[in-house]
Protein backbone atom coordinates (compact mmCIF):
# COMPACT_ATOMS: atom_id res chain seq x y z
CA MET A 1 28.10 33.55 54.47
CA LYS A 2 28.97 29.64 53.84
CA ARG A 3 29.58 26.95 56.27
CA VAL A 4 31.70 23.62 56.09
CA ALA A 5 29.61 20.52 57.21
CA VAL A 6 30.19 16.85 57.54
CA ILE A 7 26.88 14.86 56.78
CA SER A 8 27.50 11.12 57.91
CA ALA A 9 24.51 8.82 56.17
CA ILE A 10 24.44 5.09 57.14
CA LEU A 11 22.86 3.07 54.15
CA ASP A 12 20.88 -0.03 55.47
CA LYS A 13 19.95 -1.49 52.10
CA PRO A 14 22.84 -0.13 50.07
CA GLU A 15 21.42 -2.15 46.80
CA ALA A 16 18.22 -0.58 47.49
CA SER A 17 18.78 3.32 47.89
CA GLN A 18 22.16 4.03 46.50
CA THR A 19 21.43 4.74 43.00
CA GLN A 20 18.81 7.83 44.47
CA PHE A 21 21.38 8.49 46.87
CA ASN A 22 24.25 8.97 44.13
CA GLU A 23 21.83 11.06 42.20
CA ILE A 24 21.19 13.62 45.10
CA ILE A 25 24.65 13.86 46.11
CA SER A 26 25.46 14.54 41.80
CA SER A 27 22.95 17.13 42.00
CA PHE A 28 24.88 18.90 44.92
CA LYS A 29 28.16 18.37 43.29
CA GLY A 30 29.32 22.05 43.34
CA ILE A 31 29.23 22.06 47.26
CA ILE A 32 30.66 18.97 47.94
CA LYS A 33 34.39 19.00 48.55
CA GLY A 34 35.12 15.23 49.62
CA ARG A 35 33.56 11.98 50.03
CA MET A 36 34.36 8.77 51.58
CA GLY A 37 32.44 5.29 51.39
CA LEU A 38 32.97 2.40 53.64
CA PRO A 39 31.17 -0.77 52.43
CA LEU A 40 30.24 -3.39 55.33
CA GLN A 41 29.37 -6.20 52.85
CA GLU A 42 28.47 -8.80 55.41
CA GLN A 43 26.34 -6.50 57.23
CA ASP A 44 24.61 -5.03 54.29
CA ILE A 45 25.39 -1.52 55.08
CA ALA A 46 27.55 1.30 53.78
CA ILE A 47 28.84 4.35 55.64
CA ILE A 48 29.50 7.47 53.65
CA SER A 49 30.46 10.70 55.02
CA ILE A 50 30.27 14.09 52.52
CA VAL A 51 32.28 17.17 53.12
CA VAL A 52 30.71 20.12 51.73
CA LEU A 53 31.04 23.68 51.50
CA GLY A 54 27.90 25.88 51.18
CA GLU A 55 25.43 28.50 52.04
CA LEU A 56 23.24 26.89 54.90
CA ASP A 57 19.98 26.39 52.84
CA GLU A 58 22.19 24.64 50.63
CA ILE A 59 23.69 21.96 53.38
CA ASN A 60 19.72 21.73 54.76
CA SER A 61 18.44 21.12 51.52
CA LEU A 62 20.89 17.88 50.59
CA THR A 63 20.66 16.65 53.97
CA GLY A 64 16.52 17.01 53.57
CA LYS A 65 16.62 14.89 50.49
CA LEU A 66 19.00 12.26 51.69
CA GLY A 67 17.07 11.83 54.88
CA ASN A 68 13.68 11.33 53.32
CA LEU A 69 15.36 8.36 51.61
CA GLU A 70 13.96 4.95 52.51
CA HIS A 71 16.59 2.87 54.32
CA ILE A 72 18.88 6.00 54.92
CA THR A 73 19.97 7.60 58.26
CA VAL A 74 21.66 10.96 57.88
CA LYS A 75 23.20 13.61 60.68
CA THR A 76 24.78 16.44 59.95
CA SER A 77 27.35 18.68 61.57
CA ILE A 78 27.73 22.14 60.74
CA SER A 79 30.68 24.51 61.61
CA LYS A 80 29.49 27.85 63.68
CA LYS A 81 32.11 29.62 61.95
CA GLU A 82 31.30 31.37 58.44
CA VAL A 83 33.77 31.36 55.91
CA LEU A 84 34.02 32.57 52.28
């Protein structure tokens, strides 16, 4: 069964990490339903929220890969309700 989740990421040094970040996101495009980014250029920070719909293993895999990147903090909220 699938679940809906929101992945929040803070890129502390966007220029150093956004290429790798975007490559990982692209490899999970099948479960991504929406993405919103907010660049805070003066603070050298970017905030990105990603809405996903997928199996729990897929969501955890995406979160884990993003969280292993340098200069990135990731948190995920996963719905308790299973969806089709």
